[in-house]
Protein backbone atom coordinates (compact mmCIF):
# COMPACT_ATOMS: atom_id res chain seq x y z
CA MET A 1 35.47 15.59 0.76
CA ALA A 2 33.12 12.57 0.62
CA SER A 3 33.69 10.23 3.10
CA TYR A 4 31.60 7.63 2.29
CA SER A 5 31.97 7.37 -1.40
CA HIS A 6 33.48 3.98 -1.52
CA PHE A 7 30.15 2.46 -0.62
CA LEU A 8 28.66 4.11 -3.89
CA GLY A 9 26.27 1.88 -5.69
CA ARG A 10 26.75 -0.86 -3.08
CA LYS A 11 23.96 -2.44 -0.91
CA VAL A 12 24.37 -1.21 2.79
CA SER A 13 23.07 -1.56 6.27
CA VAL A 14 23.55 2.14 8.35
CA SER A 15 22.31 2.54 12.16
CA TYR A 16 21.77 6.12 12.94
CA ARG A 17 21.12 8.14 16.13
CA VAL A 18 17.72 10.09 16.40
CA GLY A 19 17.94 11.18 20.09
CA ASP A 20 18.61 8.65 22.14
CA ILE A 21 17.49 6.09 19.95
CA LEU A 22 19.47 4.01 17.39
CA LEU A 23 17.43 3.17 13.89
CA PRO A 24 18.23 0.88 11.05
CA ALA A 25 18.20 1.60 7.32
CA SER A 26 19.26 -0.28 4.52
CA GLY A 27 19.18 0.10 1.00
CA THR A 28 21.66 1.12 -2.07
CA PHE A 29 23.89 3.62 -1.18
CA VAL A 30 23.44 6.15 -4.03
CA GLY A 31 25.21 9.44 -3.28
CA ASP A 32 27.20 10.97 -0.47
CA SER A 33 27.47 15.11 -0.69
CA GLY A 34 30.07 15.45 1.91
CA ARG A 35 27.64 16.23 4.61
CA SER A 36 24.88 13.59 3.92
CA ILE A 37 24.84 9.98 2.57
CA PHE A 38 21.77 9.30 0.49
CA LEU A 39 20.07 5.50 0.53
CA GLU A 40 17.31 4.33 -2.00
CA GLN A 41 15.29 1.20 -1.67
CA HIS A 42 12.87 -0.12 -4.38
CA VAL A 43 9.66 -1.97 -3.26
CA GLU A 44 7.12 -3.41 -4.99
CA GLN A 45 3.58 -3.16 -3.30
CA ARG A 46 0.09 -4.22 -5.04
CA GLY A 47 1.68 -4.34 -8.50
CA ARG A 48 3.13 -1.04 -8.21
CA ARG A 49 7.03 -0.39 -7.93
CA ASN A 50 7.74 2.35 -5.11
CA TYR A 51 10.92 3.45 -3.55
CA PHE A 52 12.20 5.38 -0.31
CA ARG A 53 14.88 7.47 -0.16
CA TRP A 54 16.91 8.79 3.09
CA GLU A 55 19.03 11.44 3.60
CA ILE A 56 21.21 10.43 6.78
CA PRO A 57 23.56 13.57 7.90
CA TYR A 58 27.27 12.52 8.94
CA GLN A 59 26.72 13.09 12.67
CA TYR A 60 23.75 10.97 13.05
CA ILE A 61 25.55 7.84 11.52
CA TYR A 62 26.47 5.44 14.29
CA ARG A 63 27.64 2.71 11.94
CA ILE A 64 27.56 1.68 8.19
CA ALA A 65 28.39 -1.37 6.53
CA GLU A 66 28.16 -3.17 3.35
CA VAL A 67 25.73 -5.94 2.91
CA GLU A 68 26.09 -9.10 0.73
CA GLU A 69 23.30 -10.04 -1.39
CA PRO A 70 21.66 -13.58 -0.47
CA ASP A 71 22.02 -14.81 -3.92
CA ALA A 72 25.30 -14.06 -4.30
CA LEU A 73 26.38 -16.33 -1.19
CA ALA A 74 25.09 -19.60 -2.47
CA PRO A 75 22.95 -20.83 -6.02
CA PRO A 76 19.33 -21.63 -5.12
CA ALA A 77 20.40 -25.42 -6.07
CA GLU A 78 22.57 -25.44 -3.00
CA GLN A 79 20.27 -23.74 -0.99
CA ASN A 80 17.41 -26.37 -1.45
CA ALA A 81 19.76 -29.16 -1.29
CA ALA A 82 20.84 -28.70 2.60
CA VAL A 83 17.19 -28.65 3.31
CA PRO A 84 16.01 -32.39 4.15
CA THR A 85 12.75 -33.49 2.76
CA ALA A 86 9.98 -34.91 4.99
CA GLU A 87 10.82 -38.55 3.94
CA GLU A 88 14.56 -38.10 4.79
CA SER A 89 13.58 -36.16 8.39
CA SER A 90 10.97 -39.07 9.16
CA SER A 91 13.80 -42.02 8.46
CA ARG A 92 15.80 -39.84 10.96
CA LEU A 93 13.22 -39.53 13.60
CA GLY A 94 10.87 -41.92 15.13
CA ASN A 95 7.51 -42.35 13.74
CA THR A 96 6.10 -40.03 16.54
CA ALA A 97 8.63 -37.53 16.12
CA ALA A 98 8.08 -37.63 12.30
CA ARG A 99 4.18 -37.04 12.51
CA ALA A 100 4.40 -34.03 15.28
CA ALA A 101 7.18 -32.33 12.54
CA THR A 102 4.64 -32.84 9.51
CA ALA A 103 1.53 -31.52 11.72
CA SER A 104 3.55 -28.51 12.52
CA ALA A 105 4.93 -27.93 9.49
CA SER A 106 1.50 -27.91 7.65
CA SER A 107 0.19 -25.98 10.65
CA SER A 108 2.22 -23.00 9.69
CA LEU A 109 0.44 -22.08 7.08
CA LEU A 110 -2.41 -19.87 8.68
CA THR A 111 -5.82 -18.85 6.80
CA LEU A 112 -7.15 -15.88 8.05
CA PRO A 113 -10.73 -15.20 8.30
CA ASN A 114 -12.61 -12.73 6.22
CA ARG A 115 -12.88 -9.59 8.33
CA PRO A 116 -16.44 -8.24 8.20
CA LYS A 117 -16.95 -5.03 6.23
CA THR A 118 -18.09 -1.75 8.28
CA ALA A 119 -20.21 0.69 7.02
């Protein structure tokens, strides 16, 4: 009998035991054989769509929980409305603090130098 079949088709987060270490895995619950569960995760890398699959035996599962999707929690318009703009934050903060906040926001974008090519 499949113990975790109620998670079928849902996004889940699993902690499983490998020796003395707990490892995390997350993805869509795609199968339950009665002895193992199967997770799948789709990833797009360099324009190619790849997927990963995990088979986790029942005896290694430490914790399994359903994960709510971020877009289901709040629409994007509400998420953007909660973030204050630079003008709003500068009116709340003093001029010096506002300039420091603006400088730190602009310095968070890092440019990486080109690596030298080796033969």
